[in-house]
Amino acid sequence: MIVRARRSRRDTSANLGRHLGAGSRAGLSVKSAVALETVPQGAAAQCYVAVHPPLEGVNGEYFADCNVAKSSARGRDDAMGERLWRVTEEIGAGY
């Protein structure tokens, strides 16, 4: 299995701020509009790593802005990754 990870910093369709109060949601909206990527910008790196010939055979890397980068501490937490994998398999087992 080949896994290439990329985060999109401006995916508003997920409604990630739904648990926040109105003021915090407004602040998040302003921050998103000013400092974060558009959907095409976020998709650019995913498309790049999927089809760029020099990256064939590159596995398990984290990419940010079309470059290999170091993920956050949470992204490097092997125990959490194993738990996520296990729980995902449990959720998907019924489908």
C-alpha atoms as a PDB file:
ATOM      1  CA  MET A   1       0.000   0.000   0.000  1.00  0.00           C
ATOM      2  CA  ILE A   2       1.312   3.432  -0.914  1.00  0.00           C
ATOM      3  CA  VAL A   3       0.410   6.267   1.423  1.00  0.00           C
ATOM      4  CA  ARG A   4       1.216   9.864   0.705  1.00  0.00           C
ATOM      5  CA  ALA A   5      -0.223  12.312   3.182  1.00  0.00           C
ATOM      6  CA  ARG A   6      -1.153  15.909   2.620  1.00  0.00           C
ATOM      7  CA  ARG A   7      -3.223  18.258   4.666  1.00  0.00           C
ATOM      8  CA  SER A   8      -5.481  20.916   3.261  1.00  0.00           C
ATOM      9  CA  ARG A   9      -5.646  23.848   5.620  1.00  0.00           C
ATOM     10  CA  ARG A  10      -8.842  25.307   4.237  1.00  0.00           C
ATOM     11  CA  ASP A  11     -11.361  22.531   3.826  1.00  0.00           C
ATOM     12  CA  THR A  12     -14.472  24.225   5.165  1.00  0.00           C
ATOM     13  CA  SER A  13     -16.829  21.498   3.942  1.00  0.00           C
ATOM     14  CA  ALA A  14     -15.966  19.377   6.978  1.00  0.00           C
ATOM     15  CA  ASN A  15     -17.539  21.974   9.291  1.00  0.00           C
ATOM     16  CA  LEU A  16     -14.704  21.534  11.764  1.00  0.00           C
ATOM     17  CA  GLY A  17     -15.719  24.590  13.754  1.00  0.00           C
ATOM     18  CA  ARG A  18     -19.253  23.362  14.455  1.00  0.00           C
ATOM     19  CA  HIS A  19     -18.490  22.931  18.163  1.00  0.00           C
ATOM     20  CA  LEU A  20     -17.243  26.527  18.540  1.00  0.00           C
ATOM     21  CA  GLY A  21     -19.265  29.498  19.675  1.00  0.00           C
ATOM     22  CA  ALA A  22     -20.413  32.124  17.169  1.00  0.00           C
ATOM     23  CA  GLY A  23     -17.518  34.480  17.952  1.00  0.00           C
ATOM     24  CA  SER A  24     -14.903  31.789  17.509  1.00  0.00           C
ATOM     25  CA  ARG A  25     -16.511  30.616  14.266  1.00  0.00           C
ATOM     26  CA  ALA A  26     -16.439  34.194  12.951  1.00  0.00           C
ATOM     27  CA  GLY A  27     -12.757  34.490  13.850  1.00  0.00           C
ATOM     28  CA  LEU A  28     -12.042  31.170  12.166  1.00  0.00           C
ATOM     29  CA  SER A  29     -13.803  32.365   9.015  1.00  0.00           C
ATOM     30  CA  VAL A  30     -11.706  35.529   8.910  1.00  0.00           C
ATOM     31  CA  LYS A  31      -8.504  33.566   9.492  1.00  0.00           C
ATOM     32  CA  SER A  32      -9.460  31.096   6.756  1.00  0.00           C
ATOM     33  CA  ALA A  33     -10.099  33.860   4.269  1.00  0.00           C
ATOM     34  CA  VAL A  34      -6.852  35.675   5.019  1.00  0.00           C
ATOM     35  CA  ALA A  35      -4.221  33.120   5.968  1.00  0.00           C
ATOM     36  CA  LEU A  36      -5.158  29.696   4.674  1.00  0.00           C
ATOM     37  CA  GLU A  37      -5.207  27.989   1.298  1.00  0.00           C
ATOM     38  CA  THR A  38      -7.995  27.887  -1.215  1.00  0.00           C
ATOM     39  CA  VAL A  39      -9.356  24.495  -2.247  1.00  0.00           C
ATOM     40  CA  PRO A  40      -7.303  24.478  -5.500  1.00  0.00           C
ATOM     41  CA  GLN A  41      -4.159  25.385  -3.547  1.00  0.00           C
ATOM     42  CA  GLY A  42      -4.829  22.587  -1.083  1.00  0.00           C
ATOM     43  CA  ALA A  43      -5.464  20.107  -3.891  1.00  0.00           C
ATOM     44  CA  ALA A  44      -2.315  21.096  -5.775  1.00  0.00           C
ATOM     45  CA  ALA A  45       0.046  19.139  -3.532  1.00  0.00           C
ATOM     46  CA  GLN A  46      -2.200  16.067  -3.549  1.00  0.00           C
ATOM     47  CA  CYS A  47      -2.283  16.085  -7.335  1.00  0.00           C
ATOM     48  CA  TYR A  48       1.449  16.760  -7.490  1.00  0.00           C
ATOM     49  CA  VAL A  49       2.437  13.807  -5.310  1.00  0.00           C
ATOM     50  CA  ALA A  50      -0.044  11.512  -7.063  1.00  0.00           C
ATOM     51  CA  VAL A  51       1.272  12.024 -10.602  1.00  0.00           C
ATOM     52  CA  HIS A  52       4.744  13.614 -10.484  1.00  0.00           C
ATOM     53  CA  PRO A  53       7.096  10.995 -12.047  1.00  0.00           C
ATOM     54  CA  PRO A  54      10.127  11.690  -9.789  1.00  0.00           C
ATOM     55  CA  LEU A  55       7.982  10.782  -6.766  1.00  0.00           C
ATOM     56  CA  GLU A  56       7.216   7.279  -8.009  1.00  0.00           C
ATOM     57  CA  GLY A  57       8.332   4.912  -5.280  1.00  0.00           C
ATOM     58  CA  VAL A  58       8.298   7.601  -2.580  1.00  0.00           C
ATOM     59  CA  ASN A  59       6.180   6.218   0.253  1.00  0.00           C
ATOM     60  CA  GLY A  60       5.230   7.239   3.749  1.00  0.00           C
ATOM     61  CA  GLU A  61       6.209  10.876   3.379  1.00  0.00           C
ATOM     62  CA  TYR A  62       4.272  13.949   4.466  1.00  0.00           C
ATOM     63  CA  PHE A  63       4.027  16.760   1.937  1.00  0.00           C
ATOM     64  CA  ALA A  64       3.271  20.428   2.511  1.00  0.00           C
ATOM     65  CA  ASP A  65       3.270  22.898  -0.367  1.00  0.00           C
ATOM     66  CA  CYS A  66       4.536  20.214  -2.788  1.00  0.00           C
ATOM     67  CA  ASN A  67       7.604  19.469  -0.657  1.00  0.00           C
ATOM     68  CA  VAL A  68       8.473  16.711   1.790  1.00  0.00           C
ATOM     69  CA  ALA A  69       7.963  18.163   5.262  1.00  0.00           C
ATOM     70  CA  LYS A  70       7.947  17.097   8.880  1.00  0.00           C
ATOM     71  CA  SER A  71       4.434  16.491  10.173  1.00  0.00           C
ATOM     72  CA  SER A  72       3.243  17.605  13.592  1.00  0.00           C
ATOM     73  CA  ALA A  73       4.047  15.604  16.724  1.00  0.00           C
ATOM     74  CA  ARG A  74       0.559  14.103  16.542  1.00  0.00           C
ATOM     75  CA  GLY A  75       1.197  13.088  12.960  1.00  0.00           C
ATOM     76  CA  ARG A  76       4.306  11.182  14.074  1.00  0.00           C
ATOM     77  CA  ASP A  77       2.623   9.451  17.039  1.00  0.00           C
ATOM     78  CA  ASP A  78       2.894   5.761  16.113  1.00  0.00           C
ATOM     79  CA  ALA A  79       0.619   4.598  18.935  1.00  0.00           C
ATOM     80  CA  MET A  80      -2.110   6.996  17.825  1.00  0.00           C
ATOM     81  CA  GLY A  81      -1.628   5.910  14.213  1.00  0.00           C
ATOM     82  CA  GLU A  82      -2.066   2.258  15.173  1.00  0.00           C
ATOM     83  CA  ARG A  83      -5.171   3.105  17.178  1.00  0.00           C
ATOM     84  CA  LEU A  84      -6.606   5.112  14.286  1.00  0.00           C
ATOM     85  CA  TRP A  85      -5.955   2.206  11.909  1.00  0.00           C
ATOM     86  CA  ARG A  86      -7.618  -0.296  14.282  1.00  0.00           C
ATOM     87  CA  VAL A  87     -10.678   1.878  14.903  1.00  0.00           C
ATOM     88  CA  THR A  88     -11.024   2.620  11.182  1.00  0.00           C
ATOM     89  CA  GLU A  89     -10.983  -1.110  10.420  1.00  0.00           C
ATOM     90  CA  GLU A  90     -13.615  -1.698  13.102  1.00  0.00           C
ATOM     91  CA  ILE A  91     -15.852   1.019  11.670  1.00  0.00           C
ATOM     92  CA  GLY A  92     -15.405  -0.234   8.121  1.00  0.00           C
ATOM     93  CA  ALA A  93     -15.895  -3.907   8.981  1.00  0.00           C
ATOM     94  CA  GLY A  94     -19.657  -3.571   8.645  1.00  0.00           C
ATOM     95  CA  TYR A  95     -19.516  -2.267   5.070  1.00  0.00           C
END
